[in-house]
Amino acid sequence: MTYVVTDNCIKCKYMDCVEVCPVDCFYEGENMLVIHPDECIDCGVCEPECPAEAIKPDTEPSLETWLKLNADYARSWPNITQKKDAPSDAKDWDGVSGKLEAHFSASPGTGD
């Protein structure tokens, strides 16, 4: 099992999860974070820290797309180990549906 970041992170990009991760397995895109599945130790401390509830265990049904997206982008986006401020409009995007199709950016973030 590993944890994956799902669509509700897009444009919310809270970073509370980064701060608690003991193995620094988060990677930063322009408008979301991902978890490297080979680095995640399945401790689960990140899941309850996410205000947007965007982190899920990969054992939940229908997360195959997200496991692949996390794995693919963790290979090219920069590692992030320090919490940064969420976007000013993050609360407005929390819970919005269809964010993957309409708002996902494949561009990397800045990392640490």
PDB file of N, CA and C in Angstrom:
ATOM      1  N   MET A   1       0.839  -1.190   0.000  1.00  0.00           N
ATOM      2  CA  MET A   1       0.000   0.000   0.000  1.00  0.00           C
ATOM      3  C   MET A   1       0.879   1.247   0.000  1.00  0.00           C
ATOM      4  N   THR A   2       0.392   2.270  -0.647  1.00  0.00           N
ATOM      5  CA  THR A   2       1.018   3.592  -0.603  1.00  0.00           C
ATOM      6  C   THR A   2      -0.116   4.612  -0.554  1.00  0.00           C
ATOM      7  N   TYR A   3       0.216   5.832  -0.344  1.00  0.00           N
ATOM      8  CA  TYR A   3      -0.776   6.907  -0.354  1.00  0.00           C
ATOM      9  C   TYR A   3      -0.624   7.678  -1.649  1.00  0.00           C
ATOM     10  N   VAL A   4      -1.730   8.242  -2.129  1.00  0.00           N
ATOM     11  CA  VAL A   4      -1.712   9.018  -3.359  1.00  0.00           C
ATOM     12  C   VAL A   4      -2.437  10.337  -3.137  1.00  0.00           C
ATOM     13  N   VAL A   5      -1.994  11.338  -3.872  1.00  0.00           N
ATOM     14  CA  VAL A   5      -2.664  12.632  -3.859  1.00  0.00           C
ATOM     15  C   VAL A   5      -3.663  12.608  -5.009  1.00  0.00           C
ATOM     16  N   THR A   6      -4.887  13.031  -4.736  1.00  0.00           N
ATOM     17  CA  THR A   6      -5.960  12.972  -5.726  1.00  0.00           C
ATOM     18  C   THR A   6      -6.372  14.370  -6.179  1.00  0.00           C
ATOM     19  N   ASP A   7      -7.429  14.420  -6.996  1.00  0.00           N
ATOM     20  CA  ASP A   7      -7.811  15.648  -7.691  1.00  0.00           C
ATOM     21  C   ASP A   7      -8.143  16.843  -6.808  1.00  0.00           C
ATOM     22  N   ASN A   8      -8.564  16.621  -5.583  1.00  0.00           N
ATOM     23  CA  ASN A   8      -8.925  17.799  -4.792  1.00  0.00           C
ATOM     24  C   ASN A   8      -7.710  18.640  -4.402  1.00  0.00           C
ATOM     25  N   CYS A   9      -6.507  18.120  -4.591  1.00  0.00           N
ATOM     26  CA  CYS A   9      -5.308  18.926  -4.334  1.00  0.00           C
ATOM     27  C   CYS A   9      -5.103  19.980  -5.424  1.00  0.00           C
ATOM     28  N   ILE A  10      -5.586  19.691  -6.626  1.00  0.00           N
ATOM     29  CA  ILE A  10      -5.381  20.618  -7.741  1.00  0.00           C
ATOM     30  C   ILE A  10      -5.964  21.989  -7.398  1.00  0.00           C
ATOM     31  N   LYS A  11      -5.116  22.987  -7.490  1.00  0.00           N
ATOM     32  CA  LYS A  11      -5.426  24.396  -7.220  1.00  0.00           C
ATOM     33  C   LYS A  11      -5.677  24.692  -5.745  1.00  0.00           C
ATOM     34  N   CYS A  12      -5.674  23.684  -4.879  1.00  0.00           N
ATOM     35  CA  CYS A  12      -5.718  23.910  -3.428  1.00  0.00           C
ATOM     36  C   CYS A  12      -4.279  23.923  -2.908  1.00  0.00           C
ATOM     37  N   LYS A  13      -3.573  22.836  -3.200  1.00  0.00           N
ATOM     38  CA  LYS A  13      -2.149  22.707  -2.903  1.00  0.00           C
ATOM     39  C   LYS A  13      -1.770  23.161  -1.492  1.00  0.00           C
ATOM     40  N   TYR A  14      -2.526  22.664  -0.520  1.00  0.00           N
ATOM     41  CA  TYR A  14      -2.122  22.865   0.869  1.00  0.00           C
ATOM     42  C   TYR A  14      -0.871  22.028   1.095  1.00  0.00           C
ATOM     43  N   MET A  15       0.002  22.449   1.962  1.00  0.00           N
ATOM     44  CA  MET A  15       1.248  21.720   2.152  1.00  0.00           C
ATOM     45  C   MET A  15       1.452  21.225   3.577  1.00  0.00           C
ATOM     46  N   ASP A  16       0.371  21.099   4.321  1.00  0.00           N
ATOM     47  CA  ASP A  16       0.474  20.573   5.675  1.00  0.00           C
ATOM     48  C   ASP A  16       1.083  19.174   5.672  1.00  0.00           C
ATOM     49  N   CYS A  17       0.797  18.411   4.640  1.00  0.00           N
ATOM     50  CA  CYS A  17       1.285  17.037   4.486  1.00  0.00           C
ATOM     51  C   CYS A  17       2.806  16.983   4.391  1.00  0.00           C
ATOM     52  N   VAL A  18       3.380  17.931   3.694  1.00  0.00           N
ATOM     53  CA  VAL A  18       4.825  17.977   3.479  1.00  0.00           C
ATOM     54  C   VAL A  18       5.553  18.085   4.805  1.00  0.00           C
ATOM     55  N   GLU A  19       5.002  18.883   5.674  1.00  0.00           N
ATOM     56  CA  GLU A  19       5.630  19.165   6.960  1.00  0.00           C
ATOM     57  C   GLU A  19       5.726  17.930   7.858  1.00  0.00           C
ATOM     58  N   VAL A  20       4.781  17.004   7.744  1.00  0.00           N
ATOM     59  CA  VAL A  20       4.756  15.845   8.635  1.00  0.00           C
ATOM     60  C   VAL A  20       5.370  14.589   8.033  1.00  0.00           C
ATOM     61  N   CYS A  21       5.675  14.592   6.755  1.00  0.00           N
ATOM     62  CA  CYS A  21       6.190  13.398   6.088  1.00  0.00           C
ATOM     63  C   CYS A  21       7.595  13.053   6.600  1.00  0.00           C
ATOM     64  N   PRO A  22       7.772  11.862   7.182  1.00  0.00           N
ATOM     65  CA  PRO A  22       9.085  11.516   7.733  1.00  0.00           C
ATOM     66  C   PRO A  22      10.118  11.109   6.673  1.00  0.00           C
ATOM     67  N   VAL A  23       9.684  10.860   5.435  1.00  0.00           N
ATOM     68  CA  VAL A  23      10.624  10.415   4.406  1.00  0.00           C
ATOM     69  C   VAL A  23      10.703  11.356   3.202  1.00  0.00           C
ATOM     70  N   ASP A  24      10.064  12.503   3.278  1.00  0.00           N
ATOM     71  CA  ASP A  24      10.154  13.520   2.225  1.00  0.00           C
ATOM     72  C   ASP A  24       9.803  12.970   0.846  1.00  0.00           C
ATOM     73  N   CYS A  25       8.639  12.328   0.739  1.00  0.00           N
ATOM     74  CA  CYS A  25       8.254  11.695  -0.535  1.00  0.00           C
ATOM     75  C   CYS A  25       7.264  12.530  -1.341  1.00  0.00           C
ATOM     76  N   PHE A  26       7.127  13.818  -1.016  1.00  0.00           N
ATOM     77  CA  PHE A  26       6.241  14.695  -1.783  1.00  0.00           C
ATOM     78  C   PHE A  26       7.026  15.449  -2.848  1.00  0.00           C
ATOM     79  N   TYR A  27       6.357  15.629  -3.983  1.00  0.00           N
ATOM     80  CA  TYR A  27       6.954  16.338  -5.115  1.00  0.00           C
ATOM     81  C   TYR A  27       5.961  17.403  -5.564  1.00  0.00           C
ATOM     82  N   GLU A  28       6.505  18.548  -6.000  1.00  0.00           N
ATOM     83  CA  GLU A  28       5.663  19.711  -6.246  1.00  0.00           C
ATOM     84  C   GLU A  28       5.485  20.030  -7.722  1.00  0.00           C
ATOM     85  N   GLY A  29       4.216  20.074  -8.121  1.00  0.00           N
ATOM     86  CA  GLY A  29       3.859  20.572  -9.435  1.00  0.00           C
ATOM     87  C   GLY A  29       3.408  22.010  -9.316  1.00  0.00           C
ATOM     88  N   GLU A  30       3.121  22.619 -10.426  1.00  0.00           N
ATOM     89  CA  GLU A  30       2.684  24.007 -10.435  1.00  0.00           C
ATOM     90  C   GLU A  30       1.445  24.227  -9.578  1.00  0.00           C
ATOM     91  N   ASN A  31       0.475  23.288  -9.640  1.00  0.00           N
ATOM     92  CA  ASN A  31      -0.754  23.521  -8.877  1.00  0.00           C
ATOM     93  C   ASN A  31      -1.234  22.332  -8.061  1.00  0.00           C
ATOM     94  N   MET A  32      -0.349  21.353  -7.808  1.00  0.00           N
ATOM     95  CA  MET A  32      -0.690  20.257  -6.898  1.00  0.00           C
ATOM     96  C   MET A  32       0.590  19.554  -6.450  1.00  0.00           C
ATOM     97  N   LEU A  33       0.456  18.673  -5.490  1.00  0.00           N
ATOM     98  CA  LEU A  33       1.552  17.841  -5.014  1.00  0.00           C
ATOM     99  C   LEU A  33       1.282  16.399  -5.410  1.00  0.00           C
ATOM    100  N   VAL A  34       2.331  15.582  -5.444  1.00  0.00           N
ATOM    101  CA  VAL A  34       2.184  14.138  -5.639  1.00  0.00           C
ATOM    102  C   VAL A  34       3.092  13.427  -4.643  1.00  0.00           C
ATOM    103  N   ILE A  35       2.803  12.147  -4.431  1.00  0.00           N
ATOM    104  CA  ILE A  35       3.596  11.299  -3.547  1.00  0.00           C
ATOM    105  C   ILE A  35       4.320  10.270  -4.416  1.00  0.00           C
ATOM    106  N   HIS A  36       5.608  10.101  -4.170  1.00  0.00           N
ATOM    107  CA  HIS A  36       6.371   9.073  -4.895  1.00  0.00           C
ATOM    108  C   HIS A  36       6.050   7.727  -4.259  1.00  0.00           C
ATOM    109  N   PRO A  37       5.389   6.827  -4.994  1.00  0.00           N
ATOM    110  CA  PRO A  37       4.941   5.570  -4.397  1.00  0.00           C
ATOM    111  C   PRO A  37       6.078   4.651  -3.948  1.00  0.00           C
ATOM    112  N   ASP A  38       7.254   4.775  -4.539  1.00  0.00           N
ATOM    113  CA  ASP A  38       8.378   3.934  -4.127  1.00  0.00           C
ATOM    114  C   ASP A  38       9.084   4.479  -2.892  1.00  0.00           C
ATOM    115  N   GLU A  39       8.805   5.716  -2.537  1.00  0.00           N
ATOM    116  CA  GLU A  39       9.428   6.323  -1.365  1.00  0.00           C
ATOM    117  C   GLU A  39       8.494   6.349  -0.157  1.00  0.00           C
ATOM    118  N   CYS A  40       7.208   6.344  -0.396  1.00  0.00           N
ATOM    119  CA  CYS A  40       6.214   6.380   0.682  1.00  0.00           C
ATOM    120  C   CYS A  40       6.348   5.120   1.527  1.00  0.00           C
ATOM    121  N   ILE A  41       6.391   5.292   2.847  1.00  0.00           N
ATOM    122  CA  ILE A  41       6.516   4.150   3.756  1.00  0.00           C
ATOM    123  C   ILE A  41       5.172   3.758   4.358  1.00  0.00           C
ATOM    124  N   ASP A  42       4.102   4.296   3.815  1.00  0.00           N
ATOM    125  CA  ASP A  42       2.748   3.920   4.220  1.00  0.00           C
ATOM    126  C   ASP A  42       2.436   4.214   5.686  1.00  0.00           C
ATOM    127  N   CYS A  43       3.060   5.241   6.223  1.00  0.00           N
ATOM    128  CA  CYS A  43       2.834   5.553   7.636  1.00  0.00           C
ATOM    129  C   CYS A  43       1.478   6.214   7.867  1.00  0.00           C
ATOM    130  N   GLY A  44       0.973   6.913   6.855  1.00  0.00           N
ATOM    131  CA  GLY A  44      -0.351   7.519   6.940  1.00  0.00           C
ATOM    132  C   GLY A  44      -0.442   8.833   7.686  1.00  0.00           C
ATOM    133  N   VAL A  45       0.665   9.402   8.141  1.00  0.00           N
ATOM    134  CA  VAL A  45       0.569  10.651   8.896  1.00  0.00           C
ATOM    135  C   VAL A  45       0.125  11.827   8.038  1.00  0.00           C
ATOM    136  N   CYS A  46       0.325  11.742   6.731  1.00  0.00           N
ATOM    137  CA  CYS A  46      -0.059  12.843   5.850  1.00  0.00           C
ATOM    138  C   CYS A  46      -1.570  12.928   5.637  1.00  0.00           C
ATOM    139  N   GLU A  47      -2.239  11.799   5.598  1.00  0.00           N
ATOM    140  CA  GLU A  47      -3.662  11.770   5.246  1.00  0.00           C
ATOM    141  C   GLU A  47      -4.525  12.681   6.124  1.00  0.00           C
ATOM    142  N   PRO A  48      -4.439  12.588   7.458  1.00  0.00           N
ATOM    143  CA  PRO A  48      -5.295  13.455   8.277  1.00  0.00           C
ATOM    144  C   PRO A  48      -4.868  14.925   8.290  1.00  0.00           C
ATOM    145  N   GLU A  49      -3.660  15.210   7.810  1.00  0.00           N
ATOM    146  CA  GLU A  49      -3.163  16.590   7.799  1.00  0.00           C
ATOM    147  C   GLU A  49      -3.672  17.396   6.622  1.00  0.00           C
ATOM    148  N   CYS A  50      -4.210  16.742   5.602  1.00  0.00           N
ATOM    149  CA  CYS A  50      -4.639  17.431   4.390  1.00  0.00           C
ATOM    150  C   CYS A  50      -6.002  18.091   4.599  1.00  0.00           C
ATOM    151  N   PRO A  51      -6.056  19.431   4.609  1.00  0.00           N
ATOM    152  CA  PRO A  51      -7.339  20.123   4.797  1.00  0.00           C
ATOM    153  C   PRO A  51      -8.346  19.832   3.692  1.00  0.00           C
ATOM    154  N   ALA A  52      -7.858  19.496   2.497  1.00  0.00           N
ATOM    155  CA  ALA A  52      -8.738  19.238   1.356  1.00  0.00           C
ATOM    156  C   ALA A  52      -9.121  17.759   1.241  1.00  0.00           C
ATOM    157  N   GLU A  53      -8.600  16.936   2.140  1.00  0.00           N
ATOM    158  CA  GLU A  53      -8.861  15.489   2.121  1.00  0.00           C
ATOM    159  C   GLU A  53      -8.532  14.883   0.754  1.00  0.00           C
ATOM    160  N   ALA A  54      -7.403  15.313   0.200  1.00  0.00           N
ATOM    161  CA  ALA A  54      -6.981  14.869  -1.135  1.00  0.00           C
ATOM    162  C   ALA A  54      -6.035  13.677  -1.096  1.00  0.00           C
ATOM    163  N   ILE A  55      -5.606  13.257   0.079  1.00  0.00           N
ATOM    164  CA  ILE A  55      -4.683  12.132   0.192  1.00  0.00           C
ATOM    165  C   ILE A  55      -5.454  10.894   0.606  1.00  0.00           C
ATOM    166  N   LYS A  56      -5.266   9.823  -0.181  1.00  0.00           N
ATOM    167  CA  LYS A  56      -6.006   8.580   0.041  1.00  0.00           C
ATOM    168  C   LYS A  56      -5.057   7.387  -0.020  1.00  0.00           C
ATOM    169  N   PRO A  57      -5.367   6.305   0.704  1.00  0.00           N
ATOM    170  CA  PRO A  57      -4.576   5.079   0.533  1.00  0.00           C
ATOM    171  C   PRO A  57      -4.918   4.459  -0.820  1.00  0.00           C
ATOM    172  N   ASP A  58      -3.927   3.876  -1.471  1.00  0.00           N
ATOM    173  CA  ASP A  58      -4.174   3.327  -2.809  1.00  0.00           C
ATOM    174  C   ASP A  58      -5.043   2.074  -2.789  1.00  0.00           C
ATOM    175  N   THR A  59      -5.446   1.640  -1.623  1.00  0.00           N
ATOM    176  CA  THR A  59      -6.346   0.488  -1.516  1.00  0.00           C
ATOM    177  C   THR A  59      -7.798   0.879  -1.737  1.00  0.00           C
ATOM    178  N   GLU A  60      -8.090   2.172  -1.746  1.00  0.00           N
ATOM    179  CA  GLU A  60      -9.457   2.612  -2.029  1.00  0.00           C
ATOM    180  C   GLU A  60      -9.760   2.347  -3.505  1.00  0.00           C
ATOM    181  N   PRO A  61     -11.006   2.031  -3.830  1.00  0.00           N
ATOM    182  CA  PRO A  61     -11.344   1.726  -5.222  1.00  0.00           C
ATOM    183  C   PRO A  61     -11.182   2.936  -6.157  1.00  0.00           C
ATOM    184  N   SER A  62     -10.885   2.643  -7.392  1.00  0.00           N
ATOM    185  CA  SER A  62     -10.831   3.638  -8.484  1.00  0.00           C
ATOM    186  C   SER A  62      -9.720   4.669  -8.362  1.00  0.00           C
ATOM    187  N   LEU A  63      -8.616   4.312  -7.764  1.00  0.00           N
ATOM    188  CA  LEU A  63      -7.505   5.261  -7.651  1.00  0.00           C
ATOM    189  C   LEU A  63      -6.343   4.932  -8.585  1.00  0.00           C
ATOM    190  N   GLU A  64      -6.543   4.024  -9.520  1.00  0.00           N
ATOM    191  CA  GLU A  64      -5.470   3.627 -10.430  1.00  0.00           C
ATOM    192  C   GLU A  64      -4.911   4.814 -11.210  1.00  0.00           C
ATOM    193  N   THR A  65      -5.803   5.681 -11.699  1.00  0.00           N
ATOM    194  CA  THR A  65      -5.368   6.868 -12.443  1.00  0.00           C
ATOM    195  C   THR A  65      -4.464   7.740 -11.581  1.00  0.00           C
ATOM    196  N   TRP A  66      -4.832   7.883 -10.322  1.00  0.00           N
ATOM    197  CA  TRP A  66      -4.060   8.747  -9.421  1.00  0.00           C
ATOM    198  C   TRP A  66      -2.743   8.121  -9.018  1.00  0.00           C
ATOM    199  N   LEU A  67      -2.706   6.812  -8.862  1.00  0.00           N
ATOM    200  CA  LEU A  67      -1.448   6.138  -8.552  1.00  0.00           C
ATOM    201  C   LEU A  67      -0.467   6.333  -9.716  1.00  0.00           C
ATOM    202  N   LYS A  68      -0.932   6.189 -10.932  1.00  0.00           N
ATOM    203  CA  LYS A  68      -0.078   6.389 -12.110  1.00  0.00           C
ATOM    204  C   LYS A  68       0.374   7.842 -12.217  1.00  0.00           C
ATOM    205  N   LEU A  69      -0.555   8.782 -12.031  1.00  0.00           N
ATOM    206  CA  LEU A  69      -0.202  10.204 -12.112  1.00  0.00           C
ATOM    207  C   LEU A  69       0.844  10.554 -11.055  1.00  0.00           C
ATOM    208  N   ASN A  70       0.640  10.093  -9.810  1.00  0.00           N
ATOM    209  CA  ASN A  70       1.606  10.365  -8.743  1.00  0.00           C
ATOM    210  C   ASN A  70       2.976   9.794  -9.105  1.00  0.00           C
ATOM    211  N   ALA A  71       3.013   8.544  -9.553  1.00  0.00           N
ATOM    212  CA  ALA A  71       4.279   7.898  -9.898  1.00  0.00           C
ATOM    213  C   ALA A  71       4.976   8.623 -11.051  1.00  0.00           C
ATOM    214  N   ASP A  72       4.236   8.955 -12.084  1.00  0.00           N
ATOM    215  CA  ASP A  72       4.827   9.614 -13.250  1.00  0.00           C
ATOM    216  C   ASP A  72       5.405  10.979 -12.916  1.00  0.00           C
ATOM    217  N   TYR A  73       4.644  11.812 -12.229  1.00  0.00           N
ATOM    218  CA  TYR A  73       5.109  13.181 -11.976  1.00  0.00           C
ATOM    219  C   TYR A  73       6.127  13.264 -10.841  1.00  0.00           C
ATOM    220  N   ALA A  74       6.131  12.286  -9.932  1.00  0.00           N
ATOM    221  CA  ALA A  74       7.151  12.278  -8.875  1.00  0.00           C
ATOM    222  C   ALA A  74       8.543  12.082  -9.479  1.00  0.00           C
ATOM    223  N   ARG A  75       8.605  11.518 -10.665  1.00  0.00           N
ATOM    224  CA  ARG A  75       9.895  11.310 -11.331  1.00  0.00           C
ATOM    225  C   ARG A  75      10.444  12.589 -11.964  1.00  0.00           C
ATOM    226  N   SER A  76       9.569  13.558 -12.247  1.00  0.00           N
ATOM    227  CA  SER A  76      10.047  14.749 -12.954  1.00  0.00           C
ATOM    228  C   SER A  76       9.868  16.063 -12.182  1.00  0.00           C
ATOM    229  N   TRP A  77       8.982  16.087 -11.216  1.00  0.00           N
ATOM    230  CA  TRP A  77       8.801  17.303 -10.429  1.00  0.00           C
ATOM    231  C   TRP A  77       9.815  17.356  -9.293  1.00  0.00           C
ATOM    232  N   PRO A  78      10.131  18.564  -8.795  1.00  0.00           N
ATOM    233  CA  PRO A  78      11.111  18.684  -7.713  1.00  0.00           C
ATOM    234  C   PRO A  78      10.537  18.255  -6.353  1.00  0.00           C
ATOM    235  N   ASN A  79      11.419  17.734  -5.534  1.00  0.00           N
ATOM    236  CA  ASN A  79      11.063  17.323  -4.182  1.00  0.00           C
ATOM    237  C   ASN A  79      10.722  18.558  -3.350  1.00  0.00           C
ATOM    238  N   ILE A  80       9.748  18.397  -2.482  1.00  0.00           N
ATOM    239  CA  ILE A  80       9.356  19.483  -1.573  1.00  0.00           C
ATOM    240  C   ILE A  80       9.348  18.932  -0.147  1.00  0.00           C
ATOM    241  N   THR A  81      10.078  19.586   0.742  1.00  0.00           N
ATOM    242  CA  THR A  81      10.187  19.114   2.124  1.00  0.00           C
ATOM    243  C   THR A  81       9.780  20.174   3.144  1.00  0.00           C
ATOM    244  N   GLN A  82       9.543  21.386   2.665  1.00  0.00           N
ATOM    245  CA  GLN A  82       9.176  22.474   3.565  1.00  0.00           C
ATOM    246  C   GLN A  82       7.839  23.073   3.143  1.00  0.00           C
ATOM    247  N   LYS A  83       6.990  23.302   4.114  1.00  0.00           N
ATOM    248  CA  LYS A  83       5.657  23.848   3.858  1.00  0.00           C
ATOM    249  C   LYS A  83       5.754  25.272   3.327  1.00  0.00           C
ATOM    250  N   LYS A  84       4.972  25.538   2.309  1.00  0.00           N
ATOM    251  CA  LYS A  84       4.818  26.893   1.774  1.00  0.00           C
ATOM    252  C   LYS A  84       3.357  27.282   1.948  1.00  0.00           C
ATOM    253  N   ASP A  85       3.056  28.524   1.709  1.00  0.00           N
ATOM    254  CA  ASP A  85       1.673  28.984   1.798  1.00  0.00           C
ATOM    255  C   ASP A  85       0.845  28.395   0.658  1.00  0.00           C
ATOM    256  N   ALA A  86      -0.386  28.069   0.970  1.00  0.00           N
ATOM    257  CA  ALA A  86      -1.329  27.609  -0.054  1.00  0.00           C
ATOM    258  C   ALA A  86      -1.721  28.808  -0.921  1.00  0.00           C
ATOM    259  N   PRO A  87      -2.200  28.561  -2.124  1.00  0.00           N
ATOM    260  CA  PRO A  87      -2.680  29.670  -2.956  1.00  0.00           C
ATOM    261  C   PRO A  87      -3.771  30.460  -2.213  1.00  0.00           C
ATOM    262  N   SER A  88      -3.845  31.733  -2.482  1.00  0.00           N
ATOM    263  CA  SER A  88      -4.804  32.594  -1.777  1.00  0.00           C
ATOM    264  C   SER A  88      -6.251  32.182  -2.027  1.00  0.00           C
ATOM    265  N   ASP A  89      -6.528  31.539  -3.154  1.00  0.00           N
ATOM    266  CA  ASP A  89      -7.892  31.118  -3.467  1.00  0.00           C
ATOM    267  C   ASP A  89      -8.121  29.614  -3.243  1.00  0.00           C
ATOM    268  N   ALA A  90      -7.257  28.983  -2.465  1.00  0.00           N
ATOM    269  CA  ALA A  90      -7.348  27.531  -2.244  1.00  0.00           C
ATOM    270  C   ALA A  90      -8.723  27.103  -1.728  1.00  0.00           C
ATOM    271  N   LYS A  91      -9.283  27.841  -0.806  1.00  0.00           N
ATOM    272  CA  LYS A  91     -10.596  27.461  -0.245  1.00  0.00           C
ATOM    273  C   LYS A  91     -11.688  27.488  -1.305  1.00  0.00           C
ATOM    274  N   ASP A  92     -11.559  28.371  -2.274  1.00  0.00           N
ATOM    275  CA  ASP A  92     -12.547  28.453  -3.353  1.00  0.00           C
ATOM    276  C   ASP A  92     -12.535  27.199  -4.227  1.00  0.00           C
ATOM    277  N   TRP A  93     -11.387  26.527  -4.332  1.00  0.00           N
ATOM    278  CA  TRP A  93     -11.241  25.354  -5.186  1.00  0.00           C
ATOM    279  C   TRP A  93     -11.512  24.043  -4.461  1.00  0.00           C
ATOM    280  N   ASP A  94     -11.550  24.084  -3.137  1.00  0.00           N
ATOM    281  CA  ASP A  94     -11.770  22.868  -2.353  1.00  0.00           C
ATOM    282  C   ASP A  94     -13.145  22.282  -2.662  1.00  0.00           C
ATOM    283  N   GLY A  95     -13.164  21.046  -3.165  1.00  0.00           N
ATOM    284  CA  GLY A  95     -14.417  20.370  -3.460  1.00  0.00           C
ATOM    285  C   GLY A  95     -14.945  20.557  -4.866  1.00  0.00           C
ATOM    286  N   VAL A  96     -14.289  21.376  -5.676  1.00  0.00           N
ATOM    287  CA  VAL A  96     -14.722  21.585  -7.056  1.00  0.00           C
ATOM    288  C   VAL A  96     -14.465  20.293  -7.838  1.00  0.00           C
ATOM    289  N   SER A  97     -15.430  19.853  -8.602  1.00  0.00           N
ATOM    290  CA  SER A  97     -15.253  18.622  -9.372  1.00  0.00           C
ATOM    291  C   SER A  97     -14.659  18.910 -10.744  1.00  0.00           C
ATOM    292  N   GLY A  98     -14.110  17.869 -11.369  1.00  0.00           N
ATOM    293  CA  GLY A  98     -13.571  17.986 -12.721  1.00  0.00           C
ATOM    294  C   GLY A  98     -12.259  18.734 -12.825  1.00  0.00           C
ATOM    295  N   LYS A  99     -11.521  18.833 -11.728  1.00  0.00           N
ATOM    296  CA  LYS A  99     -10.285  19.618 -11.761  1.00  0.00           C
ATOM    297  C   LYS A  99      -9.185  18.960 -12.589  1.00  0.00           C
ATOM    298  N   LEU A 100      -9.130  17.642 -12.643  1.00  0.00           N
ATOM    299  CA  LEU A 100      -8.087  16.984 -13.431  1.00  0.00           C
ATOM    300  C   LEU A 100      -8.200  17.387 -14.899  1.00  0.00           C
ATOM    301  N   GLU A 101      -9.372  17.277 -15.445  1.00  0.00           N
ATOM    302  CA  GLU A 101      -9.586  17.587 -16.858  1.00  0.00           C
ATOM    303  C   GLU A 101      -9.462  19.081 -17.171  1.00  0.00           C
ATOM    304  N   ALA A 102      -9.908  19.915 -16.269  1.00  0.00           N
ATOM    305  CA  ALA A 102      -9.981  21.349 -16.562  1.00  0.00           C
ATOM    306  C   ALA A 102      -8.809  22.185 -16.038  1.00  0.00           C
ATOM    307  N   HIS A 103      -8.129  21.704 -14.973  1.00  0.00           N
ATOM    308  CA  HIS A 103      -7.164  22.596 -14.322  1.00  0.00           C
ATOM    309  C   HIS A 103      -5.799  21.999 -14.010  1.00  0.00           C
ATOM    310  N   PHE A 104      -5.597  20.711 -14.230  1.00  0.00           N
ATOM    311  CA  PHE A 104      -4.306  20.102 -13.927  1.00  0.00           C
ATOM    312  C   PHE A 104      -3.201  20.711 -14.799  1.00  0.00           C
ATOM    313  N   SER A 105      -2.070  20.992 -14.175  1.00  0.00           N
ATOM    314  CA  SER A 105      -0.903  21.476 -14.906  1.00  0.00           C
ATOM    315  C   SER A 105       0.226  20.462 -14.749  1.00  0.00           C
ATOM    316  N   ALA A 106       0.835  20.062 -15.856  1.00  0.00           N
ATOM    317  CA  ALA A 106       1.958  19.140 -15.829  1.00  0.00           C
ATOM    318  C   ALA A 106       3.277  19.861 -15.543  1.00  0.00           C
ATOM    319  N   SER A 107       3.226  21.174 -15.435  1.00  0.00           N
ATOM    320  CA  SER A 107       4.435  21.958 -15.169  1.00  0.00           C
ATOM    321  C   SER A 107       4.921  21.725 -13.749  1.00  0.00           C
ATOM    322  N   PRO A 108       6.227  21.688 -13.561  1.00  0.00           N
ATOM    323  CA  PRO A 108       6.758  21.489 -12.211  1.00  0.00           C
ATOM    324  C   PRO A 108       6.608  22.743 -11.349  1.00  0.00           C
ATOM    325  N   GLY A 109       6.623  22.520 -10.044  1.00  0.00           N
ATOM    326  CA  GLY A 109       6.672  23.623  -9.103  1.00  0.00           C
ATOM    327  C   GLY A 109       8.132  24.010  -8.893  1.00  0.00           C
ATOM    328  N   THR A 110       8.396  24.737  -7.821  1.00  0.00           N
ATOM    329  CA  THR A 110       9.749  25.196  -7.562  1.00  0.00           C
ATOM    330  C   THR A 110      10.513  24.298  -6.596  1.00  0.00           C
ATOM    331  N   GLY A 111       9.800  23.450  -5.832  1.00  0.00           N
ATOM    332  CA  GLY A 111      10.467  22.610  -4.853  1.00  0.00           C
ATOM    333  C   GLY A 111      11.052  23.457  -3.737  1.00  0.00           C
ATOM    334  N   ASP A 112      12.006  22.860  -3.021  1.00  0.00           N
ATOM    335  CA  ASP A 112      12.632  23.590  -1.899  1.00  0.00           C
ATOM    336  C   ASP A 112      13.614  24.635  -2.388  1.00  0.00           C
TER     337      ASP A 112
END
